[in-house]
Amino acid sequence: MELLDPKEVASLTGLSLETLAQWRSQKKHLSYLKVGRLVRYTLPDVEKYLESCRVSVSPSRRQK
């Protein structure tokens, strides 16, 4: 299992470290692990979060 630190998650998601810290304190959005004093995220959890952000759009028909 690949573990990511908050900086890596911020880079992957475009979220700030402050936002990730707020979410952890509010227990929202992303699951995380506490290993001693270290905060770590699993790649599948980050991918699941990113998938939940997906916005589906219908293909538009071009008008002639």
PDB file of N, CA and C in Angstrom:
ATOM      1  N   MET A   1       0.857  -1.178   0.000  1.00  0.00           N
ATOM      2  CA  MET A   1       0.000   0.000   0.000  1.00  0.00           C
ATOM      3  C   MET A   1       0.898   1.235   0.000  1.00  0.00           C
ATOM      4  N   GLU A   2       0.688   2.086  -0.981  1.00  0.00           N
ATOM      5  CA  GLU A   2       1.465   3.319  -1.078  1.00  0.00           C
ATOM      6  C   GLU A   2       0.841   4.390  -0.186  1.00  0.00           C
ATOM      7  N   LEU A   3       1.666   4.976   0.662  1.00  0.00           N
ATOM      8  CA  LEU A   3       1.202   6.043   1.548  1.00  0.00           C
ATOM      9  C   LEU A   3       1.738   7.382   1.062  1.00  0.00           C
ATOM     10  N   LEU A   4       0.863   8.368   1.069  1.00  0.00           N
ATOM     11  CA  LEU A   4       1.220   9.704   0.612  1.00  0.00           C
ATOM     12  C   LEU A   4       1.169  10.676   1.777  1.00  0.00           C
ATOM     13  N   ASP A   5       2.096  11.637   1.789  1.00  0.00           N
ATOM     14  CA  ASP A   5       2.035  12.658   2.835  1.00  0.00           C
ATOM     15  C   ASP A   5       1.137  13.802   2.351  1.00  0.00           C
ATOM     16  N   PRO A   6       0.766  14.709   3.238  1.00  0.00           N
ATOM     17  CA  PRO A   6      -0.144  15.792   2.841  1.00  0.00           C
ATOM     18  C   PRO A   6       0.360  16.634   1.671  1.00  0.00           C
ATOM     19  N   LYS A   7       1.679  16.860   1.578  1.00  0.00           N
ATOM     20  CA  LYS A   7       2.208  17.642   0.450  1.00  0.00           C
ATOM     21  C   LYS A   7       1.957  16.944  -0.878  1.00  0.00           C
ATOM     22  N   GLU A   8       2.116  15.629  -0.886  1.00  0.00           N
ATOM     23  CA  GLU A   8       1.875  14.866  -2.116  1.00  0.00           C
ATOM     24  C   GLU A   8       0.398  14.903  -2.488  1.00  0.00           C
ATOM     25  N   VAL A   9      -0.473  14.796  -1.492  1.00  0.00           N
ATOM     26  CA  VAL A   9      -1.916  14.843  -1.755  1.00  0.00           C
ATOM     27  C   VAL A   9      -2.303  16.229  -2.261  1.00  0.00           C
ATOM     28  N   ALA A  10      -1.744  17.264  -1.676  1.00  0.00           N
ATOM     29  CA  ALA A  10      -2.027  18.629  -2.131  1.00  0.00           C
ATOM     30  C   ALA A  10      -1.602  18.795  -3.580  1.00  0.00           C
ATOM     31  N   SER A  11      -0.462  18.250  -3.925  1.00  0.00           N
ATOM     32  CA  SER A  11       0.021  18.342  -5.298  1.00  0.00           C
ATOM     33  C   SER A  11      -0.879  17.587  -6.272  1.00  0.00           C
ATOM     34  N   LEU A  12      -1.334  16.405  -5.883  1.00  0.00           N
ATOM     35  CA  LEU A  12      -2.199  15.594  -6.750  1.00  0.00           C
ATOM     36  C   LEU A  12      -3.590  16.192  -6.929  1.00  0.00           C
ATOM     37  N   THR A  13      -4.113  16.805  -5.875  1.00  0.00           N
ATOM     38  CA  THR A  13      -5.507  17.255  -5.892  1.00  0.00           C
ATOM     39  C   THR A  13      -5.671  18.749  -6.179  1.00  0.00           C
ATOM     40  N   GLY A  14      -4.605  19.520  -5.987  1.00  0.00           N
ATOM     41  CA  GLY A  14      -4.724  20.968  -6.127  1.00  0.00           C
ATOM     42  C   GLY A  14      -5.277  21.634  -4.885  1.00  0.00           C
ATOM     43  N   LEU A  15      -5.457  20.860  -3.824  1.00  0.00           N
ATOM     44  CA  LEU A  15      -5.939  21.408  -2.557  1.00  0.00           C
ATOM     45  C   LEU A  15      -4.757  21.967  -1.767  1.00  0.00           C
ATOM     46  N   SER A  16      -5.023  22.925  -0.912  1.00  0.00           N
ATOM     47  CA  SER A  16      -3.956  23.469  -0.078  1.00  0.00           C
ATOM     48  C   SER A  16      -3.739  22.578   1.144  1.00  0.00           C
ATOM     49  N   LEU A  17      -2.560  22.709   1.740  1.00  0.00           N
ATOM     50  CA  LEU A  17      -2.283  21.976   2.979  1.00  0.00           C
ATOM     51  C   LEU A  17      -3.246  22.406   4.073  1.00  0.00           C
ATOM     52  N   GLU A  18      -3.629  23.677   4.068  1.00  0.00           N
ATOM     53  CA  GLU A  18      -4.569  24.188   5.065  1.00  0.00           C
ATOM     54  C   GLU A  18      -5.939  23.542   4.914  1.00  0.00           C
ATOM     55  N   THR A  19      -6.384  23.389   3.679  1.00  0.00           N
ATOM     56  CA  THR A  19      -7.675  22.736   3.437  1.00  0.00           C
ATOM     57  C   THR A  19      -7.638  21.294   3.919  1.00  0.00           C
ATOM     58  N   LEU A  20      -6.571  20.577   3.597  1.00  0.00           N
ATOM     59  CA  LEU A  20      -6.452  19.188   4.055  1.00  0.00           C
ATOM     60  C   LEU A  20      -6.465  19.123   5.576  1.00  0.00           C
ATOM     61  N   ALA A  21      -5.774  20.053   6.239  1.00  0.00           N
ATOM     62  CA  ALA A  21      -5.751  20.071   7.709  1.00  0.00           C
ATOM     63  C   ALA A  21      -7.146  20.345   8.269  1.00  0.00           C
ATOM     64  N   GLN A  22      -7.873  21.273   7.648  1.00  0.00           N
ATOM     65  CA  GLN A  22      -9.238  21.562   8.107  1.00  0.00           C
ATOM     66  C   GLN A  22     -10.129  20.346   7.928  1.00  0.00           C
ATOM     67  N   TRP A  23     -10.023  19.687   6.798  1.00  0.00           N
ATOM     68  CA  TRP A  23     -10.831  18.500   6.552  1.00  0.00           C
ATOM     69  C   TRP A  23     -10.528  17.408   7.566  1.00  0.00           C
ATOM     70  N   ARG A  24      -9.241  17.248   7.926  1.00  0.00           N
ATOM     71  CA  ARG A  24      -8.898  16.234   8.930  1.00  0.00           C
ATOM     72  C   ARG A  24      -9.543  16.575  10.266  1.00  0.00           C
ATOM     73  N   SER A  25      -9.483  17.855  10.658  1.00  0.00           N
ATOM     74  CA  SER A  25     -10.054  18.235  11.960  1.00  0.00           C
ATOM     75  C   SER A  25     -11.571  18.098  11.958  1.00  0.00           C
ATOM     76  N   GLN A  26     -12.192  18.252  10.786  1.00  0.00           N
ATOM     77  CA  GLN A  26     -13.645  18.128  10.660  1.00  0.00           C
ATOM     78  C   GLN A  26     -14.065  16.706  10.285  1.00  0.00           C
ATOM     79  N   LYS A  27     -13.077  15.854  10.048  1.00  0.00           N
ATOM     80  CA  LYS A  27     -13.319  14.470   9.615  1.00  0.00           C
ATOM     81  C   LYS A  27     -14.219  14.430   8.371  1.00  0.00           C
ATOM     82  N   LYS A  28     -13.810  15.197   7.345  1.00  0.00           N
ATOM     83  CA  LYS A  28     -14.565  15.309   6.103  1.00  0.00           C
ATOM     84  C   LYS A  28     -13.734  14.853   4.901  1.00  0.00           C
ATOM     85  N   HIS A  29     -14.412  14.376   3.897  1.00  0.00           N
ATOM     86  CA  HIS A  29     -13.923  14.138   2.538  1.00  0.00           C
ATOM     87  C   HIS A  29     -12.906  13.016   2.377  1.00  0.00           C
ATOM     88  N   LEU A  30     -11.717  13.129   2.942  1.00  0.00           N
ATOM     89  CA  LEU A  30     -10.653  12.156   2.697  1.00  0.00           C
ATOM     90  C   LEU A  30     -10.301  11.391   3.967  1.00  0.00           C
ATOM     91  N   SER A  31     -10.309  10.083   3.863  1.00  0.00           N
ATOM     92  CA  SER A  31      -9.836   9.278   4.988  1.00  0.00           C
ATOM     93  C   SER A  31      -8.325   9.419   5.067  1.00  0.00           C
ATOM     94  N   TYR A  32      -7.792   9.292   6.279  1.00  0.00           N
ATOM     95  CA  TYR A  32      -6.342   9.384   6.450  1.00  0.00           C
ATOM     96  C   TYR A  32      -5.902   8.463   7.569  1.00  0.00           C
ATOM     97  N   LEU A  33      -4.618   8.234   7.623  1.00  0.00           N
ATOM     98  CA  LEU A  33      -4.017   7.388   8.647  1.00  0.00           C
ATOM     99  C   LEU A  33      -3.151   8.242   9.560  1.00  0.00           C
ATOM    100  N   LYS A  34      -3.144   7.915  10.829  1.00  0.00           N
ATOM    101  CA  LYS A  34      -2.206   8.529  11.768  1.00  0.00           C
ATOM    102  C   LYS A  34      -1.205   7.450  12.141  1.00  0.00           C
ATOM    103  N   VAL A  35       0.038   7.642  11.769  1.00  0.00           N
ATOM    104  CA  VAL A  35       1.113   6.717  12.094  1.00  0.00           C
ATOM    105  C   VAL A  35       2.025   7.472  13.056  1.00  0.00           C
ATOM    106  N   GLY A  36       1.816   7.228  14.338  1.00  0.00           N
ATOM    107  CA  GLY A  36       2.492   8.068  15.332  1.00  0.00           C
ATOM    108  C   GLY A  36       1.948   9.479  15.191  1.00  0.00           C
ATOM    109  N   ARG A  37       2.839  10.418  14.948  1.00  0.00           N
ATOM    110  CA  ARG A  37       2.406  11.806  14.728  1.00  0.00           C
ATOM    111  C   ARG A  37       2.258  12.135  13.251  1.00  0.00           C
ATOM    112  N   LEU A  38       2.579  11.183  12.382  1.00  0.00           N
ATOM    113  CA  LEU A  38       2.547  11.425  10.943  1.00  0.00           C
ATOM    114  C   LEU A  38       1.147  11.209  10.377  1.00  0.00           C
ATOM    115  N   VAL A  39       0.771  12.057   9.453  1.00  0.00           N
ATOM    116  CA  VAL A  39      -0.495  11.918   8.733  1.00  0.00           C
ATOM    117  C   VAL A  39      -0.160  11.367   7.354  1.00  0.00           C
ATOM    118  N   ARG A  40      -0.863  10.312   6.974  1.00  0.00           N
ATOM    119  CA  ARG A  40      -0.652   9.707   5.670  1.00  0.00           C
ATOM    120  C   ARG A  40      -1.994   9.375   5.042  1.00  0.00           C
ATOM    121  N   TYR A  41      -2.017   9.392   3.704  1.00  0.00           N
ATOM    122  CA  TYR A  41      -3.200   9.043   2.919  1.00  0.00           C
ATOM    123  C   TYR A  41      -2.836   7.877   2.021  1.00  0.00           C
ATOM    124  N   THR A  42      -3.812   7.032   1.716  1.00  0.00           N
ATOM    125  CA  THR A  42      -3.553   5.957   0.749  1.00  0.00           C
ATOM    126  C   THR A  42      -3.924   6.463  -0.641  1.00  0.00           C
ATOM    127  N   LEU A  43      -3.194   6.000  -1.626  1.00  0.00           N
ATOM    128  CA  LEU A  43      -3.471   6.396  -3.004  1.00  0.00           C
ATOM    129  C   LEU A  43      -4.890   6.022  -3.428  1.00  0.00           C
ATOM    130  N   PRO A  44      -5.390   4.814  -3.090  1.00  0.00           N
ATOM    131  CA  PRO A  44      -6.779   4.499  -3.471  1.00  0.00           C
ATOM    132  C   PRO A  44      -7.802   5.467  -2.857  1.00  0.00           C
ATOM    133  N   ASP A  45      -7.572   5.938  -1.619  1.00  0.00           N
ATOM    134  CA  ASP A  45      -8.497   6.901  -1.012  1.00  0.00           C
ATOM    135  C   ASP A  45      -8.456   8.235  -1.752  1.00  0.00           C
ATOM    136  N   VAL A  46      -7.272   8.661  -2.163  1.00  0.00           N
ATOM    137  CA  VAL A  46      -7.148   9.917  -2.913  1.00  0.00           C
ATOM    138  C   VAL A  46      -7.812   9.774  -4.276  1.00  0.00           C
ATOM    139  N   GLU A  47      -7.591   8.645  -4.934  1.00  0.00           N
ATOM    140  CA  GLU A  47      -8.225   8.405  -6.237  1.00  0.00           C
ATOM    141  C   GLU A  47      -9.744   8.361  -6.103  1.00  0.00           C
ATOM    142  N   LYS A  48     -10.237   7.750  -5.030  1.00  0.00           N
ATOM    143  CA  LYS A  48     -11.687   7.699  -4.786  1.00  0.00           C
ATOM    144  C   LYS A  48     -12.246   9.108  -4.602  1.00  0.00           C
ATOM    145  N   TYR A  49     -11.534   9.938  -3.853  1.00  0.00           N
ATOM    146  CA  TYR A  49     -11.974  11.326  -3.670  1.00  0.00           C
ATOM    147  C   TYR A  49     -12.012  12.052  -5.018  1.00  0.00           C
ATOM    148  N   LEU A  50     -10.945  11.896  -5.812  1.00  0.00           N
ATOM    149  CA  LEU A  50     -10.902  12.572  -7.106  1.00  0.00           C
ATOM    150  C   LEU A  50     -12.034  12.095  -8.016  1.00  0.00           C
ATOM    151  N   GLU A  51     -12.332  10.807  -7.979  1.00  0.00           N
ATOM    152  CA  GLU A  51     -13.444  10.277  -8.782  1.00  0.00           C
ATOM    153  C   GLU A  51     -14.769  10.887  -8.344  1.00  0.00           C
ATOM    154  N   SER A  52     -14.919  11.143  -7.039  1.00  0.00           N
ATOM    155  CA  SER A  52     -16.167  11.743  -6.550  1.00  0.00           C
ATOM    156  C   SER A  52     -16.316  13.196  -7.016  1.00  0.00           C
ATOM    157  N   CYS A  53     -15.226  13.788  -7.478  1.00  0.00           N
ATOM    158  CA  CYS A  53     -15.266  15.169  -7.977  1.00  0.00           C
ATOM    159  C   CYS A  53     -15.624  15.238  -9.460  1.00  0.00           C
ATOM    160  N   ARG A  54     -15.714  14.071 -10.084  1.00  0.00           N
ATOM    161  CA  ARG A  54     -15.992  14.035 -11.527  1.00  0.00           C
ATOM    162  C   ARG A  54     -17.358  14.643 -11.822  1.00  0.00           C
ATOM    163  N   VAL A  55     -17.386  15.455 -12.852  1.00  0.00           N
ATOM    164  CA  VAL A  55     -18.631  16.053 -13.325  1.00  0.00           C
ATOM    165  C   VAL A  55     -18.923  15.446 -14.688  1.00  0.00           C
ATOM    166  N   SER A  56     -20.054  14.792 -14.810  1.00  0.00           N
ATOM    167  CA  SER A  56     -20.433  14.187 -16.079  1.00  0.00           C
ATOM    168  C   SER A  56     -21.135  15.227 -16.943  1.00  0.00           C
ATOM    169  N   VAL A  57     -20.787  15.205 -18.210  1.00  0.00           N
ATOM    170  CA  VAL A  57     -21.425  16.112 -19.158  1.00  0.00           C
ATOM    171  C   VAL A  57     -21.950  15.303 -20.325  1.00  0.00           C
ATOM    172  N   SER A  58     -23.041  15.774 -20.879  1.00  0.00           N
ATOM    173  CA  SER A  58     -23.604  15.119 -22.056  1.00  0.00           C
ATOM    174  C   SER A  58     -22.900  15.642 -23.283  1.00  0.00           C
ATOM    175  N   PRO A  59     -22.635  14.757 -24.223  1.00  0.00           N
ATOM    176  CA  PRO A  59     -22.023  15.246 -25.470  1.00  0.00           C
ATOM    177  C   PRO A  59     -22.996  16.176 -26.181  1.00  0.00           C
ATOM    178  N   SER A  60     -22.511  17.301 -26.594  1.00  0.00           N
ATOM    179  CA  SER A  60     -23.396  18.246 -27.282  1.00  0.00           C
ATOM    180  C   SER A  60     -23.439  17.913 -28.769  1.00  0.00           C
ATOM    181  N   ARG A  61     -24.552  18.245 -29.350  1.00  0.00           N
ATOM    182  CA  ARG A  61     -24.701  18.032 -30.784  1.00  0.00           C
ATOM    183  C   ARG A  61     -24.339  19.334 -31.487  1.00  0.00           C
ATOM    184  N   ARG A  62     -23.497  19.206 -32.459  1.00  0.00           N
ATOM    185  CA  ARG A  62     -23.104  20.393 -33.213  1.00  0.00           C
ATOM    186  C   ARG A  62     -24.238  20.803 -34.135  1.00  0.00           C
ATOM    187  N   GLN A  63     -24.512  22.080 -34.117  1.00  0.00           N
ATOM    188  CA  GLN A  63     -25.531  22.597 -35.038  1.00  0.00           C
ATOM    189  C   GLN A  63     -24.850  23.059 -36.305  1.00  0.00           C
ATOM    190  N   LYS A  64     -25.497  22.762 -37.424  1.00  0.00           N
ATOM    191  CA  LYS A  64     -24.924  23.156 -38.730  1.00  0.00           C
ATOM    192  C   LYS A  64     -25.470  24.476 -39.180  1.00  0.00           C
TER     193      LYS A  64
END
